[in-house]
Amino acid sequence: MVGLLGGAILFLYGIIATRQEFASFGKVYAAYGGVFIVLAVLWGWGIDHRRPDVSEWIGAAICLVGVTVMLWRR
């Protein structure tokens, strides 16, 4: 049941992201990817109790900088 709900939510996200008017779908999807990477690092730290090392924090920061650059101008 949880898997079906998760699948439905991901499906709806895919549709909603294509309807964003403020930016192109590529920018929205790339921003999601950058945030996903940071959340994956935090997930590993909070849920799996694996503390990220310096290179993981730097990589996550680079991703957020990339997202910021992409979304800077519309």
PDB file of N, CA and C in Angstrom:
ATOM      1  N   MET A   1       0.817  -1.200   0.000  1.00  0.00           N
ATOM      2  CA  MET A   1       0.000   0.000   0.000  1.00  0.00           C
ATOM      3  C   MET A   1       0.864   1.270   0.000  1.00  0.00           C
ATOM      4  N   VAL A   2       1.904   1.263   0.823  1.00  0.00           N
ATOM      5  CA  VAL A   2       2.794   2.417   0.894  1.00  0.00           C
ATOM      6  C   VAL A   2       3.501   2.623  -0.444  1.00  0.00           C
ATOM      7  N   GLY A   3       3.887   1.519  -1.089  1.00  0.00           N
ATOM      8  CA  GLY A   3       4.546   1.605  -2.386  1.00  0.00           C
ATOM      9  C   GLY A   3       3.643   2.218  -3.442  1.00  0.00           C
ATOM     10  N   LEU A   4       2.368   1.842  -3.422  1.00  0.00           N
ATOM     11  CA  LEU A   4       1.410   2.417  -4.380  1.00  0.00           C
ATOM     12  C   LEU A   4       1.222   3.911  -4.135  1.00  0.00           C
ATOM     13  N   LEU A   5       1.120   4.290  -2.872  1.00  0.00           N
ATOM     14  CA  LEU A   5       0.979   5.707  -2.531  1.00  0.00           C
ATOM     15  C   LEU A   5       2.223   6.489  -2.968  1.00  0.00           C
ATOM     16  N   GLY A   6       3.398   5.933  -2.705  1.00  0.00           N
ATOM     17  CA  GLY A   6       4.642   6.589  -3.124  1.00  0.00           C
ATOM     18  C   GLY A   6       4.721   6.723  -4.634  1.00  0.00           C
ATOM     19  N   GLY A   7       4.324   5.673  -5.341  1.00  0.00           N
ATOM     20  CA  GLY A   7       4.315   5.726  -6.801  1.00  0.00           C
ATOM     21  C   GLY A   7       3.367   6.786  -7.332  1.00  0.00           C
ATOM     22  N   ALA A   8       2.193   6.887  -6.711  1.00  0.00           N
ATOM     23  CA  ALA A   8       1.212   7.896  -7.128  1.00  0.00           C
ATOM     24  C   ALA A   8       1.739   9.310  -6.876  1.00  0.00           C
ATOM     25  N   ILE A   9       2.409   9.510  -5.751  1.00  0.00           N
ATOM     26  CA  ILE A   9       2.963  10.821  -5.437  1.00  0.00           C
ATOM     27  C   ILE A   9       4.061  11.192  -6.432  1.00  0.00           C
ATOM     28  N   LEU A  10       4.928  10.243  -6.757  1.00  0.00           N
ATOM     29  CA  LEU A  10       5.977  10.513  -7.748  1.00  0.00           C
ATOM     30  C   LEU A  10       5.385  10.810  -9.122  1.00  0.00           C
ATOM     31  N   PHE A  11       4.338  10.094  -9.475  1.00  0.00           N
ATOM     32  CA  PHE A  11       3.671  10.336 -10.749  1.00  0.00           C
ATOM     33  C   PHE A  11       3.090  11.749 -10.792  1.00  0.00           C
ATOM     34  N   LEU A  12       2.421  12.147  -9.714  1.00  0.00           N
ATOM     35  CA  LEU A  12       1.854  13.499  -9.650  1.00  0.00           C
ATOM     36  C   LEU A  12       2.949  14.558  -9.667  1.00  0.00           C
ATOM     37  N   TYR A  13       4.054  14.298  -9.001  1.00  0.00           N
ATOM     38  CA  TYR A  13       5.158  15.254  -9.034  1.00  0.00           C
ATOM     39  C   TYR A  13       5.652  15.449 -10.458  1.00  0.00           C
ATOM     40  N   GLY A  14       5.762  14.356 -11.196  1.00  0.00           N
ATOM     41  CA  GLY A  14       6.208  14.454 -12.579  1.00  0.00           C
ATOM     42  C   GLY A  14       5.292  15.305 -13.432  1.00  0.00           C
ATOM     43  N   ILE A  15       4.009  15.217 -13.176  1.00  0.00           N
ATOM     44  CA  ILE A  15       3.039  16.027 -13.922  1.00  0.00           C
ATOM     45  C   ILE A  15       3.094  17.484 -13.470  1.00  0.00           C
ATOM     46  N   ILE A  16       3.127  17.704 -12.175  1.00  0.00           N
ATOM     47  CA  ILE A  16       3.133  19.070 -11.639  1.00  0.00           C
ATOM     48  C   ILE A  16       4.389  19.823 -12.078  1.00  0.00           C
ATOM     49  N   ALA A  17       5.513  19.152 -12.105  1.00  0.00           N
ATOM     50  CA  ALA A  17       6.762  19.829 -12.483  1.00  0.00           C
ATOM     51  C   ALA A  17       6.717  20.336 -13.918  1.00  0.00           C
ATOM     52  N   THR A  18       6.011  19.638 -14.788  1.00  0.00           N
ATOM     53  CA  THR A  18       5.931  20.088 -16.180  1.00  0.00           C
ATOM     54  C   THR A  18       4.998  21.281 -16.333  1.00  0.00           C
ATOM     55  N   ARG A  19       4.199  21.572 -15.334  1.00  0.00           N
ATOM     56  CA  ARG A  19       3.234  22.680 -15.397  1.00  0.00           C
ATOM     57  C   ARG A  19       3.744  23.972 -14.759  1.00  0.00           C
ATOM     58  N   GLN A  20       4.991  23.987 -14.316  1.00  0.00           N
ATOM     59  CA  GLN A  20       5.539  25.180 -13.689  1.00  0.00           C
ATOM     60  C   GLN A  20       5.745  26.264 -14.744  1.00  0.00           C
ATOM     61  N   GLU A  21       5.184  27.428 -14.516  1.00  0.00           N
ATOM     62  CA  GLU A  21       5.284  28.511 -15.483  1.00  0.00           C
ATOM     63  C   GLU A  21       6.470  29.430 -15.233  1.00  0.00           C
ATOM     64  N   PHE A  22       6.985  29.451 -14.014  1.00  0.00           N
ATOM     65  CA  PHE A  22       8.055  30.393 -13.694  1.00  0.00           C
ATOM     66  C   PHE A  22       9.396  29.981 -14.292  1.00  0.00           C
ATOM     67  N   ALA A  23       9.559  28.748 -14.646  1.00  0.00           N
ATOM     68  CA  ALA A  23      10.835  28.282 -15.199  1.00  0.00           C
ATOM     69  C   ALA A  23      10.572  27.097 -16.119  1.00  0.00           C
ATOM     70  N   SER A  24      11.537  26.775 -16.913  1.00  0.00           N
ATOM     71  CA  SER A  24      11.388  25.625 -17.796  1.00  0.00           C
ATOM     72  C   SER A  24      11.433  24.336 -16.968  1.00  0.00           C
ATOM     73  N   PHE A  25      10.909  23.281 -17.565  1.00  0.00           N
ATOM     74  CA  PHE A  25      10.900  21.996 -16.872  1.00  0.00           C
ATOM     75  C   PHE A  25      12.317  21.551 -16.521  1.00  0.00           C
ATOM     76  N   GLY A  26      13.264  21.798 -17.401  1.00  0.00           N
ATOM     77  CA  GLY A  26      14.641  21.403 -17.144  1.00  0.00           C
ATOM     78  C   GLY A  26      15.206  22.057 -15.897  1.00  0.00           C
ATOM     79  N   LYS A  27      14.909  23.336 -15.713  1.00  0.00           N
ATOM     80  CA  LYS A  27      15.397  24.033 -14.519  1.00  0.00           C
ATOM     81  C   LYS A  27      14.739  23.491 -13.251  1.00  0.00           C
ATOM     82  N   VAL A  28      13.445  23.244 -13.326  1.00  0.00           N
ATOM     83  CA  VAL A  28      12.736  22.709 -12.160  1.00  0.00           C
ATOM     84  C   VAL A  28      13.283  21.329 -11.807  1.00  0.00           C
ATOM     85  N   TYR A  29      13.476  20.503 -12.813  1.00  0.00           N
ATOM     86  CA  TYR A  29      13.973  19.146 -12.589  1.00  0.00           C
ATOM     87  C   TYR A  29      15.397  19.166 -12.050  1.00  0.00           C
ATOM     88  N   ALA A  30      16.229  20.052 -12.568  1.00  0.00           N
ATOM     89  CA  ALA A  30      17.607  20.165 -12.088  1.00  0.00           C
ATOM     90  C   ALA A  30      17.635  20.654 -10.638  1.00  0.00           C
ATOM     91  N   ALA A  31      16.774  21.606 -10.315  1.00  0.00           N
ATOM     92  CA  ALA A  31      16.701  22.098  -8.935  1.00  0.00           C
ATOM     93  C   ALA A  31      16.270  20.969  -7.999  1.00  0.00           C
ATOM     94  N   TYR A  32      15.311  20.182  -8.433  1.00  0.00           N
ATOM     95  CA  TYR A  32      14.882  19.039  -7.635  1.00  0.00           C
ATOM     96  C   TYR A  32      16.046  18.072  -7.416  1.00  0.00           C
ATOM     97  N   GLY A  33      16.825  17.840  -8.463  1.00  0.00           N
ATOM     98  CA  GLY A  33      17.963  16.935  -8.350  1.00  0.00           C
ATOM     99  C   GLY A  33      18.989  17.423  -7.347  1.00  0.00           C
ATOM    100  N   GLY A  34      19.275  18.723  -7.365  1.00  0.00           N
ATOM    101  CA  GLY A  34      20.235  19.286  -6.419  1.00  0.00           C
ATOM    102  C   GLY A  34      19.764  19.168  -4.982  1.00  0.00           C
ATOM    103  N   VAL A  35      18.495  19.459  -4.761  1.00  0.00           N
ATOM    104  CA  VAL A  35      17.923  19.345  -3.417  1.00  0.00           C
ATOM    105  C   VAL A  35      17.888  17.873  -3.000  1.00  0.00           C
ATOM    106  N   PHE A  36      17.587  16.977  -3.936  1.00  0.00           N
ATOM    107  CA  PHE A  36      17.545  15.552  -3.642  1.00  0.00           C
ATOM    108  C   PHE A  36      18.907  15.061  -3.150  1.00  0.00           C
ATOM    109  N   ILE A  37      19.976  15.533  -3.765  1.00  0.00           N
ATOM    110  CA  ILE A  37      21.322  15.120  -3.357  1.00  0.00           C
ATOM    111  C   ILE A  37      21.601  15.544  -1.917  1.00  0.00           C
ATOM    112  N   VAL A  38      21.265  16.782  -1.594  1.00  0.00           N
ATOM    113  CA  VAL A  38      21.486  17.269  -0.226  1.00  0.00           C
ATOM    114  C   VAL A  38      20.643  16.465   0.764  1.00  0.00           C
ATOM    115  N   LEU A  39      19.392  16.202   0.410  1.00  0.00           N
ATOM    116  CA  LEU A  39      18.532  15.428   1.308  1.00  0.00           C
ATOM    117  C   LEU A  39      19.018  13.992   1.459  1.00  0.00           C
ATOM    118  N   ALA A  40      19.626  13.434   0.410  1.00  0.00           N
ATOM    119  CA  ALA A  40      20.180  12.086   0.514  1.00  0.00           C
ATOM    120  C   ALA A  40      21.334  12.049   1.511  1.00  0.00           C
ATOM    121  N   VAL A  41      22.164  13.076   1.508  1.00  0.00           N
ATOM    122  CA  VAL A  41      23.259  13.153   2.477  1.00  0.00           C
ATOM    123  C   VAL A  41      22.696  13.266   3.897  1.00  0.00           C
ATOM    124  N   LEU A  42      21.683  14.118   4.055  1.00  0.00           N
ATOM    125  CA  LEU A  42      21.066  14.277   5.378  1.00  0.00           C
ATOM    126  C   LEU A  42      20.340  13.010   5.822  1.00  0.00           C
ATOM    127  N   TRP A  43      19.730  12.308   4.878  1.00  0.00           N
ATOM    128  CA  TRP A  43      19.047  11.049   5.184  1.00  0.00           C
ATOM    129  C   TRP A  43      20.056  10.028   5.727  1.00  0.00           C
ATOM    130  N   GLY A  44      21.179   9.913   5.047  1.00  0.00           N
ATOM    131  CA  GLY A  44      22.204   8.984   5.509  1.00  0.00           C
ATOM    132  C   GLY A  44      22.696   9.310   6.907  1.00  0.00           C
ATOM    133  N   TRP A  45      22.761  10.596   7.205  1.00  0.00           N
ATOM    134  CA  TRP A  45      23.224  11.029   8.526  1.00  0.00           C
ATOM    135  C   TRP A  45      22.156  10.790   9.589  1.00  0.00           C
ATOM    136  N   GLY A  46      20.910  11.174   9.279  1.00  0.00           N
ATOM    137  CA  GLY A  46      19.850  11.096  10.290  1.00  0.00           C
ATOM    138  C   GLY A  46      19.249   9.713  10.472  1.00  0.00           C
ATOM    139  N   ILE A  47      19.056   8.989   9.379  1.00  0.00           N
ATOM    140  CA  ILE A  47      18.367   7.701   9.466  1.00  0.00           C
ATOM    141  C   ILE A  47      19.356   6.535   9.583  1.00  0.00           C
ATOM    142  N   ASP A  48      20.382   6.553   8.760  1.00  0.00           N
ATOM    143  CA  ASP A  48      21.351   5.456   8.770  1.00  0.00           C
ATOM    144  C   ASP A  48      22.492   5.696   9.757  1.00  0.00           C
ATOM    145  N   HIS A  49      22.513   6.876  10.385  1.00  0.00           N
ATOM    146  CA  HIS A  49      23.539   7.228  11.381  1.00  0.00           C
ATOM    147  C   HIS A  49      24.948   7.135  10.804  1.00  0.00           C
ATOM    148  N   ARG A  50      25.070   7.538   9.536  1.00  0.00           N
ATOM    149  CA  ARG A  50      26.379   7.587   8.881  1.00  0.00           C
ATOM    150  C   ARG A  50      26.739   9.050   8.676  1.00  0.00           C
ATOM    151  N   ARG A  51      27.676   9.514   9.448  1.00  0.00           N
ATOM    152  CA  ARG A  51      28.056  10.922   9.379  1.00  0.00           C
ATOM    153  C   ARG A  51      28.775  11.220   8.061  1.00  0.00           C
ATOM    154  N   PRO A  52      28.293  12.223   7.302  1.00  0.00           N
ATOM    155  CA  PRO A  52      28.941  12.573   6.028  1.00  0.00           C
ATOM    156  C   PRO A  52      30.351  13.118   6.250  1.00  0.00           C
ATOM    157  N   ASP A  53      31.237  12.781   5.313  1.00  0.00           N
ATOM    158  CA  ASP A  53      32.586  13.330   5.418  1.00  0.00           C
ATOM    159  C   ASP A  53      32.653  14.672   4.673  1.00  0.00           C
ATOM    160  N   VAL A  54      33.812  15.292   4.712  1.00  0.00           N
ATOM    161  CA  VAL A  54      33.977  16.631   4.143  1.00  0.00           C
ATOM    162  C   VAL A  54      33.679  16.644   2.645  1.00  0.00           C
ATOM    163  N   SER A  55      34.125  15.610   1.932  1.00  0.00           N
ATOM    164  CA  SER A  55      33.900  15.598   0.486  1.00  0.00           C
ATOM    165  C   SER A  55      32.407  15.512   0.150  1.00  0.00           C
ATOM    166  N   GLU A  56      31.628  14.823   0.964  1.00  0.00           N
ATOM    167  CA  GLU A  56      30.181  14.754   0.729  1.00  0.00           C
ATOM    168  C   GLU A  56      29.515  16.107   0.967  1.00  0.00           C
ATOM    169  N   TRP A  57      29.944  16.818   1.996  1.00  0.00           N
ATOM    170  CA  TRP A  57      29.396  18.154   2.245  1.00  0.00           C
ATOM    171  C   TRP A  57      29.784  19.115   1.119  1.00  0.00           C
ATOM    172  N   ILE A  58      31.023  19.027   0.666  1.00  0.00           N
ATOM    173  CA  ILE A  58      31.465  19.894  -0.435  1.00  0.00           C
ATOM    174  C   ILE A  58      30.675  19.586  -1.699  1.00  0.00           C
ATOM    175  N   GLY A  59      30.499  18.307  -2.001  1.00  0.00           N
ATOM    176  CA  GLY A  59      29.716  17.920  -3.172  1.00  0.00           C
ATOM    177  C   GLY A  59      28.280  18.413  -3.099  1.00  0.00           C
ATOM    178  N   ALA A  60      27.655  18.294  -1.932  1.00  0.00           N
ATOM    179  CA  ALA A  60      26.287  18.775  -1.762  1.00  0.00           C
ATOM    180  C   ALA A  60      26.224  20.295  -1.928  1.00  0.00           C
ATOM    181  N   ALA A  61      27.220  20.994  -1.403  1.00  0.00           N
ATOM    182  CA  ALA A  61      27.257  22.451  -1.547  1.00  0.00           C
ATOM    183  C   ALA A  61      27.429  22.850  -3.007  1.00  0.00           C
ATOM    184  N   ILE A  62      28.269  22.128  -3.737  1.00  0.00           N
ATOM    185  CA  ILE A  62      28.457  22.406  -5.165  1.00  0.00           C
ATOM    186  C   ILE A  62      27.121  22.244  -5.901  1.00  0.00           C
ATOM    187  N   CYS A  63      26.381  21.210  -5.557  1.00  0.00           N
ATOM    188  CA  CYS A  63      25.068  20.992  -6.186  1.00  0.00           C
ATOM    189  C   CYS A  63      24.130  22.161  -5.917  1.00  0.00           C
ATOM    190  N   LEU A  64      24.105  22.643  -4.681  1.00  0.00           N
ATOM    191  CA  LEU A  64      23.227  23.779  -4.360  1.00  0.00           C
ATOM    192  C   LEU A  64      23.671  25.047  -5.063  1.00  0.00           C
ATOM    193  N   VAL A  65      24.968  25.244  -5.202  1.00  0.00           N
ATOM    194  CA  VAL A  65      25.464  26.401  -5.957  1.00  0.00           C
ATOM    195  C   VAL A  65      25.022  26.277  -7.414  1.00  0.00           C
ATOM    196  N   GLY A  66      25.114  25.087  -7.968  1.00  0.00           N
ATOM    197  CA  GLY A  66      24.656  24.870  -9.342  1.00  0.00           C
ATOM    198  C   GLY A  66      23.182  25.157  -9.520  1.00  0.00           C
ATOM    199  N   VAL A  67      22.376  24.725  -8.573  1.00  0.00           N
ATOM    200  CA  VAL A  67      20.940  25.010  -8.618  1.00  0.00           C
ATOM    201  C   VAL A  67      20.702  26.513  -8.565  1.00  0.00           C
ATOM    202  N   THR A  68      21.426  27.201  -7.699  1.00  0.00           N
ATOM    203  CA  THR A  68      21.278  28.650  -7.581  1.00  0.00           C
ATOM    204  C   THR A  68      21.635  29.342  -8.884  1.00  0.00           C
ATOM    205  N   VAL A  69      22.722  28.916  -9.523  1.00  0.00           N
ATOM    206  CA  VAL A  69      23.137  29.519 -10.791  1.00  0.00           C
ATOM    207  C   VAL A  69      22.062  29.290 -11.858  1.00  0.00           C
ATOM    208  N   MET A  70      21.526  28.090 -11.931  1.00  0.00           N
ATOM    209  CA  MET A  70      20.503  27.779 -12.941  1.00  0.00           C
ATOM    210  C   MET A  70      19.214  28.583 -12.740  1.00  0.00           C
ATOM    211  N   LEU A  71      18.836  28.775 -11.477  1.00  0.00           N
ATOM    212  CA  LEU A  71      17.577  29.451 -11.199  1.00  0.00           C
ATOM    213  C   LEU A  71      17.721  30.964 -11.026  1.00  0.00           C
ATOM    214  N   TRP A  72      18.960  31.471 -11.105  1.00  0.00           N
ATOM    215  CA  TRP A  72      19.210  32.892 -10.875  1.00  0.00           C
ATOM    216  C   TRP A  72      18.400  33.764 -11.817  1.00  0.00           C
ATOM    217  N   ARG A  73      18.402  33.407 -13.086  1.00  0.00           N
ATOM    218  CA  ARG A  73      17.665  34.177 -14.088  1.00  0.00           C
ATOM    219  C   ARG A  73      16.572  33.308 -14.680  1.00  0.00           C
ATOM    220  N   ARG A  74      15.464  33.923 -14.970  1.00  0.00           N
ATOM    221  CA  ARG A  74      14.337  33.173 -15.526  1.00  0.00           C
ATOM    222  C   ARG A  74      14.388  33.136 -17.011  1.00  0.00           C
TER     223      ARG A  74
END
